[in-house]
Protein backbone atom coordinates (compact mmCIF):
# COMPACT_ATOMS: atom_id res chain seq x y z
CA MET A 1 -10.21 4.23 -15.03
CA ASP A 2 -8.63 2.50 -18.03
CA VAL A 3 -8.21 -0.87 -19.29
CA ASP A 4 -4.42 -0.46 -19.32
CA LEU A 5 -4.46 -0.34 -15.58
CA ILE A 6 -5.94 -3.71 -15.39
CA PHE A 7 -3.31 -5.13 -17.92
CA LYS A 8 -0.45 -3.46 -15.98
CA ILE A 9 -1.62 -5.06 -12.74
CA ALA A 10 -1.95 -8.40 -14.55
CA ALA A 11 1.57 -8.10 -15.95
CA ILE A 12 2.98 -7.33 -12.62
CA GLY A 13 1.23 -10.28 -11.13
CA ILE A 14 2.52 -12.60 -13.87
CA ILE A 15 6.17 -11.38 -13.58
CA VAL A 16 6.04 -11.64 -9.63
CA ALA A 17 4.65 -15.08 -9.85
CA VAL A 18 7.30 -16.41 -12.24
CA LEU A 19 10.11 -14.70 -10.14
CA ASN A 20 8.63 -16.16 -7.01
CA GLN A 21 8.58 -19.65 -8.40
CA VAL A 22 12.13 -19.34 -9.71
CA LEU A 23 13.47 -18.15 -6.40
CA ILE A 24 11.55 -20.86 -4.47
CA ARG A 25 12.84 -23.55 -6.73
CA SER A 26 16.46 -22.28 -6.21
CA GLY A 27 16.08 -22.30 -2.54
CA ARG A 28 15.81 -18.49 -1.90
CA GLU A 29 12.59 -18.28 -0.07
CA GLU A 30 13.40 -14.93 1.63
CA GLN A 31 14.03 -13.28 -1.65
CA ALA A 32 10.83 -14.85 -3.05
CA MET A 33 8.86 -13.30 -0.16
CA MET A 34 10.52 -9.99 -0.69
CA THR A 35 9.73 -9.96 -4.43
CA THR A 36 6.10 -10.86 -3.53
CA LEU A 37 5.88 -7.96 -1.15
CA ALA A 38 7.62 -5.69 -3.60
CA GLY A 39 5.07 -6.50 -6.18
CA LEU A 40 2.20 -5.98 -3.80
CA ILE A 41 3.45 -2.54 -2.78
CA VAL A 42 3.82 -1.45 -6.35
CA VAL A 43 0.26 -2.61 -7.21
CA LEU A 44 -1.08 -0.79 -4.13
CA MET A 45 0.68 2.29 -4.99
CA MET A 46 -0.90 2.33 -8.44
CA ILE A 47 -4.34 1.70 -6.90
CA VAL A 48 -3.83 4.52 -4.28
CA TYR A 49 -2.88 6.90 -7.16
CA GLU A 50 -6.03 6.00 -9.09
CA ILE A 51 -8.29 6.40 -5.93
CA SER A 52 -6.63 9.82 -5.40
CA ASN A 53 -7.70 10.73 -8.90
CA LEU A 54 -11.18 9.50 -8.32
CA PHE A 55 -11.57 11.69 -5.25
CA THR A 56 -10.25 14.63 -7.13
CA VAL A 57 -12.86 14.08 -9.96
CA VAL A 58 -15.54 13.66 -7.41
CA LYS A 59 -14.60 16.90 -5.60
CA SER A 60 -14.70 18.71 -8.92
CA VAL A 61 -17.95 17.37 -9.96
CA PHE A 62 -19.77 18.23 -6.70
CA GLY A 63 -17.84 21.46 -6.25
CA LEU A 64 -16.30 20.63 -2.79
């Protein structure tokens, strides 16, 4: 795992938080919720990909 992954997740979190606040202030709560969910899905997909890589490495180390 690299430090870049942490920075990417933090950047996505900051962008989603700013967009969420802007949309809430303009009275678009539904779009704010969808933006938050989209950000969460993107981060979860990144984490699932990294976990998949982890399992692949563990399999190759133990010869499974």
